[in-house]
Amino acid sequence: MKPTQEMIQTVYRGPSTGIVASVFVTLFIASLVITAALTSGGLPTPFSPPEYVHAFYQQFANILRINAMLQFGSAIPLGIFTASITNKLTFQGAKVAGVNIALYGGFASSVFLAISGLTGWVLAEPGVTNNMDVMHSLRLFSFITGGVGHVATLGLVVAGVAVPSGFMKLIPMWLLWAGLAIAALCELSTIGMVYPLAFIFIPFGRFSAFIWLVVVGFTMPSTIRTSIIHQTN
């Protein structure tokens, strides 16, 4: 009997993680670009004077509804990406805590972003901003959920995917180390809750994570190759 080896290729069946990540990023960035272009500057900061914020929401209510819709909409492909990328890791044979960490982080990040978008829609409704205290509270809530809440948990997705993917050689090692650095930036944004200057980590962590997720989504292989030994005469 002479052994022969046959290679079998199994294909992952699910959404393209690269395309889904790109849709998520595109919708979120569109919300910022459209708002900035149509309001000549973009959303007020949480520290803007209440009178300015009130006037801004009165003047640009329709544009802010579009912003809220796009940010809420971007949360949906983020959830789909999370389910798909963790499922792909499991398909590749990953049986480590990182997969569950990424799953938790991605779903939490999606929920925080959705809540932020929905709160933005509430703020754009007639009469809501007439009460300065209510307006300020909702503005802070929208900011903290869409900022620190969304970004810190997004960092868990990056770290949770980066570690098993790197050590299983599903992605280049430079992507692993870049992912860990980006995850650290995302987590540093939480310091802003005590020292507001640290809120600067929010855009750095957010947009670097966006790029990383798209790159990994297209880089991670969608097939596995296994060998079967046959005994032949």
Protein backbone atom coordinates (compact mmCIF):
# COMPACT_ATOMS: atom_id res chain seq x y z
CA MET A 1 0.00 0.00 0.00
CA LYS A 2 1.35 3.39 -0.98
CA PRO A 3 0.07 6.51 0.85
CA THR A 4 -1.00 9.47 -1.24
CA GLN A 5 -1.87 12.91 0.00
CA GLU A 6 -4.83 14.94 -1.21
CA MET A 7 -5.31 18.64 -0.40
CA ILE A 8 -8.87 19.80 0.27
CA GLN A 9 -9.78 23.49 0.34
CA THR A 10 -12.73 24.59 2.50
CA VAL A 11 -14.25 28.02 1.83
CA TYR A 12 -15.72 30.23 4.57
CA ARG A 13 -19.35 31.03 3.81
CA GLY A 14 -20.46 34.40 5.10
CA PRO A 15 -20.40 38.12 4.35
CA SER A 16 -17.15 39.63 3.08
CA THR A 17 -15.60 41.11 6.21
CA GLY A 18 -13.68 43.65 4.15
CA ILE A 19 -16.78 44.92 2.38
CA VAL A 20 -18.88 45.05 5.57
CA ALA A 21 -16.11 46.96 7.40
CA SER A 22 -15.90 49.38 4.46
CA VAL A 23 -19.67 50.01 4.60
CA PHE A 24 -19.46 50.71 8.33
CA VAL A 25 -16.58 53.16 7.90
CA THR A 26 -18.15 54.84 4.85
CA LEU A 27 -21.47 55.49 6.61
CA PHE A 28 -19.79 56.92 9.70
CA ILE A 29 -17.42 59.18 7.77
CA ALA A 30 -20.31 60.30 5.53
CA SER A 31 -22.16 61.45 8.65
CA LEU A 32 -19.21 63.67 9.58
CA VAL A 33 -18.48 64.98 6.09
CA ILE A 34 -22.10 65.83 5.25
CA THR A 35 -22.62 67.57 8.59
CA ALA A 36 -19.38 69.53 8.31
CA ALA A 37 -20.11 70.56 4.72
CA LEU A 38 -23.70 71.66 5.31
CA THR A 39 -23.17 73.40 8.66
CA SER A 40 -19.81 75.02 7.85
CA GLY A 41 -17.94 73.38 10.69
CA GLY A 42 -19.66 70.32 12.09
CA LEU A 43 -21.25 69.48 15.42
CA PRO A 44 -20.63 71.62 18.51
CA THR A 45 -18.39 70.10 21.17
CA PRO A 46 -19.81 69.07 24.57
CA PHE A 47 -18.08 72.13 25.98
CA SER A 48 -19.65 74.67 23.60
CA PRO A 49 -21.82 77.39 25.24
CA PRO A 50 -25.44 76.21 25.65
CA GLU A 51 -26.76 79.25 23.78
CA TYR A 52 -24.63 78.40 20.76
CA VAL A 53 -25.71 74.74 20.83
CA HIS A 54 -29.37 75.74 21.06
CA ALA A 55 -29.07 78.06 18.06
CA PHE A 56 -27.13 75.42 16.12
CA TYR A 57 -29.78 72.74 16.64
CA GLN A 58 -32.55 75.16 15.78
CA GLN A 59 -30.86 76.15 12.51
CA PHE A 60 -29.60 72.77 11.33
CA ALA A 61 -32.21 70.32 12.68
CA ASN A 62 -32.77 68.56 9.34
CA ILE A 63 -29.05 68.09 8.74
CA LEU A 64 -28.61 66.73 12.26
CA ARG A 65 -31.34 64.16 11.58
CA ILE A 66 -29.32 62.98 8.59
CA ASN A 67 -26.23 62.82 10.78
CA ALA A 68 -28.12 60.77 13.37
CA MET A 69 -29.52 58.43 10.72
CA LEU A 70 -26.09 57.74 9.20
CA GLN A 71 -24.42 57.17 12.57
CA PHE A 72 -27.21 54.84 13.66
CA GLY A 73 -27.00 53.13 10.27
CA SER A 74 -23.25 52.61 10.61
CA ALA A 75 -23.81 50.66 13.83
CA ILE A 76 -25.59 47.90 11.92
CA PRO A 77 -22.70 46.85 9.62
CA LEU A 78 -20.36 47.10 12.64
CA GLY A 79 -22.47 44.44 14.37
CA ILE A 80 -22.50 42.32 11.20
CA PHE A 81 -18.72 42.71 10.86
CA THR A 82 -18.23 41.61 14.45
CA ALA A 83 -20.33 38.48 14.00
CA SER A 84 -18.59 37.68 10.71
CA ILE A 85 -14.97 38.25 11.77
CA THR A 86 -15.34 36.22 14.98
CA ASN A 87 -17.10 33.46 13.05
CA LYS A 88 -14.26 33.48 10.53
CA LEU A 89 -11.70 33.15 13.35
CA THR A 90 -13.64 30.16 14.69
CA PHE A 91 -13.73 28.72 11.16
CA GLN A 92 -9.95 29.05 11.02
CA GLY A 93 -9.65 27.06 14.24
CA ALA A 94 -9.26 29.81 16.86
CA LYS A 95 -10.41 28.54 20.27
CA VAL A 96 -9.14 31.33 22.49
CA ALA A 97 -10.59 34.07 24.69
CA GLY A 98 -9.72 36.74 22.11
CA VAL A 99 -12.59 35.64 19.89
CA ASN A 100 -15.13 36.20 22.68
CA ILE A 101 -13.46 39.46 23.68
CA ALA A 102 -13.83 40.71 20.09
CA LEU A 103 -17.45 39.53 20.00
CA TYR A 104 -18.29 41.36 23.22
CA GLY A 105 -16.40 44.50 22.18
CA GLY A 106 -17.94 44.66 18.73
CA PHE A 107 -21.53 44.23 19.87
CA ALA A 108 -21.05 46.73 22.72
CA SER A 109 -19.41 49.22 20.34
CA SER A 110 -22.28 48.84 17.89
CA VAL A 111 -24.87 49.40 20.63
CA PHE A 112 -23.08 52.48 21.99
CA LEU A 113 -22.90 53.98 18.49
CA ALA A 114 -26.57 53.22 17.84
CA ILE A 115 -27.58 54.84 21.14
CA SER A 116 -25.50 57.92 20.31
CA GLY A 117 -27.18 58.23 16.91
CA LEU A 118 -30.66 57.80 18.35
CA THR A 119 -29.93 60.42 21.03
CA GLY A 120 -28.77 62.79 18.28
CA TRP A 121 -32.11 62.32 16.55
CA VAL A 122 -33.97 63.15 19.78
CA LEU A 123 -31.94 66.36 20.09
CA ALA A 124 -32.93 67.39 16.57
CA GLU A 125 -36.66 67.11 17.29
CA PRO A 126 -38.64 70.37 17.77
CA GLY A 127 -38.74 71.71 21.32
CA VAL A 128 -36.15 69.38 22.86
CA THR A 129 -33.40 71.99 22.89
CA ASN A 130 -35.66 74.66 24.42
CA ASN A 131 -34.84 73.28 27.88
CA MET A 132 -31.14 74.03 28.33
CA ASP A 133 -30.62 71.47 31.10
CA VAL A 134 -32.23 68.65 29.11
CA MET A 135 -30.34 69.67 25.98
CA HIS A 136 -26.99 69.71 27.80
CA SER A 137 -27.63 66.32 29.41
CA LEU A 138 -28.58 64.71 26.10
CA ARG A 139 -25.59 66.28 24.35
CA LEU A 140 -23.20 64.87 26.94
CA PHE A 141 -24.91 61.46 26.78
CA SER A 142 -24.67 61.37 22.98
CA PHE A 143 -21.02 62.39 23.13
CA ILE A 144 -19.94 59.90 25.78
CA THR A 145 -21.73 56.94 24.19
CA GLY A 146 -20.58 57.72 20.64
CA GLY A 147 -17.13 58.79 21.85
CA VAL A 148 -15.63 56.95 24.80
CA GLY A 149 -18.22 54.15 24.92
CA HIS A 150 -17.98 53.36 21.22
CA VAL A 151 -14.21 53.82 20.86
CA ALA A 152 -13.10 51.98 24.00
CA THR A 153 -15.15 48.92 23.09
CA LEU A 154 -14.02 49.19 19.46
CA GLY A 155 -10.48 48.79 20.81
CA LEU A 156 -11.53 45.43 22.27
CA VAL A 157 -12.55 44.28 18.78
CA VAL A 158 -9.16 45.25 17.40
CA ALA A 159 -7.21 43.58 20.21
CA GLY A 160 -9.45 40.51 20.29
CA VAL A 161 -9.03 39.92 16.55
CA ALA A 162 -5.37 40.95 16.33
CA VAL A 163 -3.87 38.53 18.83
CA PRO A 164 -5.28 35.19 17.60
CA SER A 165 -5.04 36.27 13.95
CA GLY A 166 -1.38 37.23 14.33
CA PHE A 167 -0.26 34.13 16.20
CA MET A 168 -2.17 31.86 13.82
CA LYS A 169 -0.44 33.69 10.93
CA LEU A 170 -3.74 34.72 9.39
CA ILE A 171 -2.45 38.31 9.17
CA PRO A 172 1.09 39.75 8.95
CA MET A 173 2.79 40.33 12.30
CA TRP A 174 2.98 44.08 11.66
CA LEU A 175 -0.82 44.13 11.64
CA LEU A 176 -0.83 42.36 15.00
CA TRP A 177 1.45 44.95 16.61
CA ALA A 178 -0.37 47.82 14.90
CA GLY A 179 -3.64 46.43 16.24
CA LEU A 180 -2.35 46.32 19.81
CA ALA A 181 -1.09 49.90 19.55
CA ILE A 182 -4.45 51.06 18.15
CA ALA A 183 -6.33 49.19 20.87
CA ALA A 184 -4.21 51.00 23.48
CA LEU A 185 -5.09 54.36 21.91
CA CYS A 186 -8.78 53.46 22.06
CA GLU A 187 -8.60 52.52 25.73
CA LEU A 188 -6.72 55.71 26.61
CA SER A 189 -9.80 57.67 25.55
CA THR A 190 -11.45 56.60 28.81
CA ILE A 191 -9.04 58.85 30.74
CA GLY A 192 -10.96 61.79 29.26
CA MET A 193 -13.76 61.05 31.72
CA VAL A 194 -11.43 62.40 34.42
CA TYR A 195 -9.03 64.57 32.39
CA PRO A 196 -10.94 66.03 29.41
CA LEU A 197 -7.74 66.75 27.46
CA ALA A 198 -7.44 62.97 26.98
CA PHE A 199 -10.54 63.05 24.77
CA ILE A 200 -8.00 63.73 22.00
CA PHE A 201 -7.45 59.96 21.97
CA ILE A 202 -11.01 59.46 20.67
CA PRO A 203 -10.36 60.51 17.03
CA PHE A 204 -6.88 58.93 17.00
CA GLY A 205 -8.21 55.61 18.27
CA ARG A 206 -11.40 55.73 16.21
CA PHE A 207 -9.98 56.44 12.76
CA SER A 208 -6.90 54.26 13.12
CA ALA A 209 -9.22 51.41 14.20
CA PHE A 210 -11.42 52.06 11.15
CA ILE A 211 -8.45 51.63 8.82
CA TRP A 212 -7.24 48.55 10.68
CA LEU A 213 -10.61 46.80 10.54
CA VAL A 214 -10.92 47.35 6.78
CA VAL A 215 -7.38 46.10 6.14
CA VAL A 216 -7.86 43.00 8.30
CA GLY A 217 -11.28 42.38 6.79
CA PHE A 218 -9.71 42.07 3.34
CA THR A 219 -6.49 40.38 4.54
CA MET A 220 -7.76 37.49 6.65
CA PRO A 221 -8.06 34.37 4.45
CA SER A 222 -11.47 32.90 3.74
CA THR A 223 -10.24 29.38 3.06
CA ILE A 224 -8.47 26.61 4.93
CA ARG A 225 -6.47 23.83 3.36
CA THR A 226 -6.42 20.36 4.91
CA SER A 227 -4.68 17.21 3.75
CA ILE A 228 -6.14 13.71 3.62
CA ILE A 229 -3.92 10.64 3.40
CA HIS A 230 -5.18 7.83 1.15
CA GLN A 231 -3.73 4.33 1.01
CA THR A 232 -3.45 3.09 -2.56
CA ASN A 233 -2.09 -0.13 -4.09
